[in-house]
Amino acid sequence: MKKYFFILLAAVSLGVTSCSPFNVKSDYSATATFTNYKTYLLRTDDLKLNDLDKDRVLNELSKQLQSKALTSGQNPDLIVNVKASHKKVQDITTSMGGGMGWGWGRPWGWGGGFGMGNTWTNNYNSGTIAIDIVDAKTQKLVWQGIGSGLSVDSPKSKQKQIPQVVAEIMANYPPKKGK
């Protein structure tokens, strides 16, 4: 009985943790030694957002970096560059409804019929946040994380989703070797 309960608990846990609405990817330099990095500096030159969204991104990013034992400094080991973008997306959904028909004969014969369907379109803007982490000494990219699928049309959604996607992106830093 305990064995089945454990299997059920593991399956539910896996299902809950894999239900993110975002598409998150990361890549890193295999030659970088991430344990040597202790300080960072945020660069926001490429962060083209309104002040509210910019604050949401930078606050969560700073929180995530500090949780990884990195401290902000003016002579940093890492330069963290953040970019944001959005694109217009159009979803098209078609459903085939019921229909009527007639026929004659078995296994050969003739017949006819007709059916009805509906098509809906949904237009919205989807946002992406990219975080580039550069070695300050070599000026080479050592890690990159990208999260997409933010709902940027709703202020309420952005308030919730921006911190979530930044946290999911940064969950992959520092990279686990061999993955």
C-alpha atoms as a PDB file:
ATOM      1  CA  MET A   1       0.000   0.000   0.000  1.00  0.00           C
ATOM      2  CA  LYS A   2       2.795   2.413   0.928  1.00  0.00           C
ATOM      3  CA  LYS A   3       4.514   1.597  -2.367  1.00  0.00           C
ATOM      4  CA  TYR A   4       1.462   2.646  -4.378  1.00  0.00           C
ATOM      5  CA  PHE A   5       1.041   5.807  -2.317  1.00  0.00           C
ATOM      6  CA  PHE A   6       4.675   6.758  -2.988  1.00  0.00           C
ATOM      7  CA  ILE A   7       4.255   6.165  -6.736  1.00  0.00           C
ATOM      8  CA  LEU A   8       1.069   8.249  -6.768  1.00  0.00           C
ATOM      9  CA  LEU A   9       2.769  11.055  -4.822  1.00  0.00           C
ATOM     10  CA  ALA A  10       5.744  11.051  -7.219  1.00  0.00           C
ATOM     11  CA  ALA A  11       3.448  11.166 -10.259  1.00  0.00           C
ATOM     12  CA  VAL A  12       1.405  14.057  -8.829  1.00  0.00           C
ATOM     13  CA  SER A  13       4.596  15.966  -7.905  1.00  0.00           C
ATOM     14  CA  LEU A  14       5.966  15.529 -11.407  1.00  0.00           C
ATOM     15  CA  GLY A  15       2.681  16.707 -12.914  1.00  0.00           C
ATOM     16  CA  VAL A  16       2.526  19.799 -10.691  1.00  0.00           C
ATOM     17  CA  THR A  17       6.133  20.856 -11.316  1.00  0.00           C
ATOM     18  CA  SER A  18       5.903  20.474 -15.084  1.00  0.00           C
ATOM     19  CA  CYS A  19       2.834  22.662 -15.563  1.00  0.00           C
ATOM     20  CA  SER A  20       4.616  25.910 -16.354  1.00  0.00           C
ATOM     21  CA  PRO A  21       2.955  28.133 -18.954  1.00  0.00           C
ATOM     22  CA  PHE A  22       6.403  29.366 -20.050  1.00  0.00           C
ATOM     23  CA  ASN A  23       8.950  27.964 -22.460  1.00  0.00           C
ATOM     24  CA  VAL A  24      12.315  28.283 -20.697  1.00  0.00           C
ATOM     25  CA  LYS A  25      15.692  27.375 -22.210  1.00  0.00           C
ATOM     26  CA  SER A  26      19.281  27.954 -21.200  1.00  0.00           C
ATOM     27  CA  ASP A  27      22.758  27.426 -22.588  1.00  0.00           C
ATOM     28  CA  TYR A  28      26.217  27.838 -21.112  1.00  0.00           C
ATOM     29  CA  SER A  29      29.931  27.726 -21.820  1.00  0.00           C
ATOM     30  CA  ALA A  30      31.379  24.349 -20.877  1.00  0.00           C
ATOM     31  CA  THR A  31      34.737  26.001 -20.116  1.00  0.00           C
ATOM     32  CA  ALA A  32      33.407  28.562 -17.606  1.00  0.00           C
ATOM     33  CA  THR A  33      34.068  27.938 -13.914  1.00  0.00           C
ATOM     34  CA  PHE A  34      30.886  29.235 -12.321  1.00  0.00           C
ATOM     35  CA  THR A  35      32.123  28.746  -8.753  1.00  0.00           C
ATOM     36  CA  ASN A  36      34.725  31.501  -9.320  1.00  0.00           C
ATOM     37  CA  TYR A  37      32.069  34.160  -9.933  1.00  0.00           C
ATOM     38  CA  LYS A  38      31.122  36.147  -6.821  1.00  0.00           C
ATOM     39  CA  THR A  39      29.927  39.603  -7.988  1.00  0.00           C
ATOM     40  CA  TYR A  40      27.677  40.963 -10.710  1.00  0.00           C
ATOM     41  CA  LEU A  41      26.592  44.210 -12.333  1.00  0.00           C
ATOM     42  CA  LEU A  42      23.178  44.595 -13.985  1.00  0.00           C
ATOM     43  CA  ARG A  43      23.118  46.250 -17.407  1.00  0.00           C
ATOM     44  CA  THR A  44      19.746  47.459 -18.570  1.00  0.00           C
ATOM     45  CA  ASP A  45      20.686  49.264 -21.804  1.00  0.00           C
ATOM     46  CA  ASP A  46      18.708  46.745 -23.880  1.00  0.00           C
ATOM     47  CA  LEU A  47      15.745  46.470 -21.497  1.00  0.00           C
ATOM     48  CA  LYS A  48      13.053  48.362 -23.402  1.00  0.00           C
ATOM     49  CA  LEU A  49      10.163  48.197 -20.930  1.00  0.00           C
ATOM     50  CA  ASN A  50       8.019  50.666 -19.052  1.00  0.00           C
ATOM     51  CA  ASP A  51       9.265  51.548 -15.562  1.00  0.00           C
ATOM     52  CA  LEU A  52       6.798  49.235 -13.798  1.00  0.00           C
ATOM     53  CA  ASP A  53       7.782  46.147 -15.783  1.00  0.00           C
ATOM     54  CA  LYS A  54      11.476  47.064 -15.654  1.00  0.00           C
ATOM     55  CA  ASP A  55      11.290  47.208 -11.846  1.00  0.00           C
ATOM     56  CA  ARG A  56       9.550  43.804 -11.767  1.00  0.00           C
ATOM     57  CA  VAL A  57      12.276  42.225 -13.888  1.00  0.00           C
ATOM     58  CA  LEU A  58      15.205  43.821 -12.070  1.00  0.00           C
ATOM     59  CA  ASN A  59      13.850  43.195  -8.559  1.00  0.00           C
ATOM     60  CA  GLU A  60      13.265  39.497  -9.221  1.00  0.00           C
ATOM     61  CA  LEU A  61      16.571  39.102 -11.068  1.00  0.00           C
ATOM     62  CA  SER A  62      18.516  40.726  -8.201  1.00  0.00           C
ATOM     63  CA  LYS A  63      16.700  38.494  -5.718  1.00  0.00           C
ATOM     64  CA  GLN A  64      17.549  35.384  -7.737  1.00  0.00           C
ATOM     65  CA  LEU A  65      21.222  36.341  -8.175  1.00  0.00           C
ATOM     66  CA  GLN A  66      21.596  37.062  -4.464  1.00  0.00           C
ATOM     67  CA  SER A  67      19.999  33.718  -3.621  1.00  0.00           C
ATOM     68  CA  LYS A  68      22.865  32.136  -5.578  1.00  0.00           C
ATOM     69  CA  ALA A  69      25.460  33.849  -3.328  1.00  0.00           C
ATOM     70  CA  LEU A  70      26.286  36.586  -5.851  1.00  0.00           C
ATOM     71  CA  THR A  71      26.573  40.201  -4.699  1.00  0.00           C
ATOM     72  CA  SER A  72      26.179  43.386  -6.663  1.00  0.00           C
ATOM     73  CA  GLY A  73      29.407  45.331  -7.190  1.00  0.00           C
ATOM     74  CA  GLN A  74      31.053  48.029  -9.304  1.00  0.00           C
ATOM     75  CA  ASN A  75      34.064  45.836 -10.155  1.00  0.00           C
ATOM     76  CA  PRO A  76      32.109  42.690 -11.061  1.00  0.00           C
ATOM     77  CA  ASP A  77      33.049  39.195 -12.125  1.00  0.00           C
ATOM     78  CA  LEU A  78      29.872  39.009 -14.221  1.00  0.00           C
ATOM     79  CA  ILE A  79      27.879  41.465 -16.292  1.00  0.00           C
ATOM     80  CA  VAL A  80      24.188  40.545 -16.416  1.00  0.00           C
ATOM     81  CA  ASN A  81      22.400  41.945 -19.455  1.00  0.00           C
ATOM     82  CA  VAL A  82      18.595  41.723 -19.653  1.00  0.00           C
ATOM     83  CA  LYS A  83      16.490  42.061 -22.802  1.00  0.00           C
ATOM     84  CA  ALA A  84      12.755  41.927 -23.363  1.00  0.00           C
ATOM     85  CA  SER A  85      10.650  41.681 -26.495  1.00  0.00           C
ATOM     86  CA  HIS A  86       7.172  40.800 -27.617  1.00  0.00           C
ATOM     87  CA  LYS A  87       5.503  39.600 -30.779  1.00  0.00           C
ATOM     88  CA  LYS A  88       1.964  39.472 -32.083  1.00  0.00           C
ATOM     89  CA  VAL A  89       0.521  35.971 -32.110  1.00  0.00           C
ATOM     90  CA  GLN A  90      -2.620  34.729 -33.830  1.00  0.00           C
ATOM     91  CA  ASP A  91      -4.118  31.416 -32.713  1.00  0.00           C
ATOM     92  CA  ILE A  92      -6.600  29.822 -35.086  1.00  0.00           C
ATOM     93  CA  THR A  93      -8.915  27.117 -33.771  1.00  0.00           C
ATOM     94  CA  THR A  94     -11.272  25.102 -35.958  1.00  0.00           C
ATOM     95  CA  SER A  95     -13.833  22.622 -34.712  1.00  0.00           C
ATOM     96  CA  MET A  96     -15.811  20.247 -36.813  1.00  0.00           C
ATOM     97  CA  GLY A  97     -19.411  20.032 -35.722  1.00  0.00           C
ATOM     98  CA  GLY A  98     -21.952  17.307 -36.246  1.00  0.00           C
ATOM     99  CA  GLY A  99     -23.535  16.521 -39.537  1.00  0.00           C
ATOM    100  CA  MET A 100     -26.213  14.593 -41.316  1.00  0.00           C
ATOM    101  CA  GLY A 101     -25.959  11.945 -43.969  1.00  0.00           C
ATOM    102  CA  TRP A 102     -27.651   9.090 -45.751  1.00  0.00           C
ATOM    103  CA  GLY A 103     -26.512   5.951 -47.457  1.00  0.00           C
ATOM    104  CA  TRP A 104     -27.486   2.588 -48.812  1.00  0.00           C
ATOM    105  CA  GLY A 105     -25.935  -0.818 -49.100  1.00  0.00           C
ATOM    106  CA  ARG A 106     -23.485  -2.966 -47.226  1.00  0.00           C
ATOM    107  CA  PRO A 107     -20.553  -3.657 -47.787  1.00  0.00           C
ATOM    108  CA  TRP A 108     -20.870  -1.761 -51.093  1.00  0.00           C
ATOM    109  CA  GLY A 109     -23.141   1.115 -51.787  1.00  0.00           C
ATOM    110  CA  TRP A 110     -23.466   4.826 -52.161  1.00  0.00           C
ATOM    111  CA  GLY A 111     -24.065   7.725 -49.783  1.00  0.00           C
ATOM    112  CA  GLY A 112     -23.702  11.391 -49.044  1.00  0.00           C
ATOM    113  CA  GLY A 113     -23.769  13.912 -46.236  1.00  0.00           C
ATOM    114  CA  PHE A 114     -22.697  17.285 -44.986  1.00  0.00           C
ATOM    115  CA  GLY A 115     -21.107  18.755 -41.849  1.00  0.00           C
ATOM    116  CA  MET A 116     -20.596  22.139 -40.249  1.00  0.00           C
ATOM    117  CA  GLY A 117     -17.564  23.641 -38.540  1.00  0.00           C
ATOM    118  CA  ASN A 118     -16.527  26.823 -36.760  1.00  0.00           C
ATOM    119  CA  THR A 119     -13.269  28.760 -36.802  1.00  0.00           C
ATOM    120  CA  TRP A 120     -12.122  31.213 -34.126  1.00  0.00           C
ATOM    121  CA  THR A 121      -9.085  33.478 -34.054  1.00  0.00           C
ATOM    122  CA  ASN A 122      -7.413  34.886 -30.973  1.00  0.00           C
ATOM    123  CA  ASN A 123      -4.892  37.731 -31.328  1.00  0.00           C
ATOM    124  CA  TYR A 124      -2.532  38.578 -28.478  1.00  0.00           C
ATOM    125  CA  ASN A 125       1.023  39.687 -27.674  1.00  0.00           C
ATOM    126  CA  SER A 126       3.476  37.143 -26.267  1.00  0.00           C
ATOM    127  CA  GLY A 127       6.525  38.369 -24.346  1.00  0.00           C
ATOM    128  CA  THR A 128      10.063  37.023 -24.018  1.00  0.00           C
ATOM    129  CA  ILE A 129      12.781  37.807 -21.478  1.00  0.00           C
ATOM    130  CA  ALA A 130      16.428  36.967 -22.236  1.00  0.00           C
ATOM    131  CA  ILE A 131      19.190  37.073 -19.627  1.00  0.00           C
ATOM    132  CA  ASP A 132      22.801  37.076 -20.840  1.00  0.00           C
ATOM    133  CA  ILE A 133      25.581  36.582 -18.295  1.00  0.00           C
ATOM    134  CA  VAL A 134      28.997  37.707 -19.513  1.00  0.00           C
ATOM    135  CA  ASP A 135      32.409  37.148 -17.916  1.00  0.00           C
ATOM    136  CA  ALA A 136      33.588  40.716 -17.166  1.00  0.00           C
ATOM    137  CA  LYS A 137      37.284  39.909 -17.713  1.00  0.00           C
ATOM    138  CA  THR A 138      37.012  38.033 -21.009  1.00  0.00           C
ATOM    139  CA  GLN A 139      33.837  39.790 -22.252  1.00  0.00           C
ATOM    140  CA  LYS A 140      32.536  36.382 -23.365  1.00  0.00           C
ATOM    141  CA  LEU A 141      29.026  35.064 -22.877  1.00  0.00           C
ATOM    142  CA  VAL A 142      29.142  32.287 -20.262  1.00  0.00           C
ATOM    143  CA  TRP A 143      25.407  31.669 -19.695  1.00  0.00           C
ATOM    144  CA  GLN A 144      22.125  32.574 -21.370  1.00  0.00           C
ATOM    145  CA  GLY A 145      18.562  31.949 -20.275  1.00  0.00           C
ATOM    146  CA  ILE A 146      15.420  32.722 -22.246  1.00  0.00           C
ATOM    147  CA  GLY A 147      11.809  32.535 -21.121  1.00  0.00           C
ATOM    148  CA  SER A 148       8.877  33.080 -23.457  1.00  0.00           C
ATOM    149  CA  GLY A 149       5.106  32.870 -23.272  1.00  0.00           C
ATOM    150  CA  LEU A 150       4.357  35.876 -21.068  1.00  0.00           C
ATOM    151  CA  SER A 151       0.906  37.391 -21.479  1.00  0.00           C
ATOM    152  CA  VAL A 152       1.838  41.054 -21.972  1.00  0.00           C
ATOM    153  CA  ASP A 153      -1.619  42.405 -22.822  1.00  0.00           C
ATOM    154  CA  SER A 154      -2.864  42.326 -19.227  1.00  0.00           C
ATOM    155  CA  PRO A 155      -1.221  44.372 -16.445  1.00  0.00           C
ATOM    156  CA  LYS A 156      -2.481  41.872 -13.851  1.00  0.00           C
ATOM    157  CA  SER A 157      -0.888  38.982 -15.769  1.00  0.00           C
ATOM    158  CA  LYS A 158       2.418  40.842 -16.073  1.00  0.00           C
ATOM    159  CA  GLN A 159       2.491  41.521 -12.314  1.00  0.00           C
ATOM    160  CA  LYS A 160       2.282  37.790 -11.677  1.00  0.00           C
ATOM    161  CA  GLN A 161       4.129  36.348 -14.664  1.00  0.00           C
ATOM    162  CA  ILE A 162       7.263  38.513 -14.865  1.00  0.00           C
ATOM    163  CA  PRO A 163       8.637  37.382 -11.475  1.00  0.00           C
ATOM    164  CA  GLN A 164       7.616  33.786 -12.245  1.00  0.00           C
ATOM    165  CA  VAL A 165       9.408  33.587 -15.590  1.00  0.00           C
ATOM    166  CA  VAL A 166      12.563  35.293 -14.248  1.00  0.00           C
ATOM    167  CA  ALA A 167      12.637  32.776 -11.367  1.00  0.00           C
ATOM    168  CA  GLU A 168      12.185  29.866 -13.805  1.00  0.00           C
ATOM    169  CA  ILE A 169      14.954  31.166 -16.064  1.00  0.00           C
ATOM    170  CA  MET A 170      17.344  31.609 -13.136  1.00  0.00           C
ATOM    171  CA  ALA A 171      16.525  28.138 -11.771  1.00  0.00           C
ATOM    172  CA  ASN A 172      18.935  26.908 -14.462  1.00  0.00           C
ATOM    173  CA  TYR A 173      21.844  29.023 -13.140  1.00  0.00           C
ATOM    174  CA  PRO A 174      24.464  27.948 -12.348  1.00  0.00           C
ATOM    175  CA  PRO A 175      24.218  25.072 -14.787  1.00  0.00           C
ATOM    176  CA  LYS A 176      24.493  21.530 -13.586  1.00  0.00           C
ATOM    177  CA  LYS A 177      27.418  19.966 -15.435  1.00  0.00           C
ATOM    178  CA  GLY A 178      26.488  17.009 -17.575  1.00  0.00           C
ATOM    179  CA  LYS A 179      22.908  18.146 -18.288  1.00  0.00           C
END
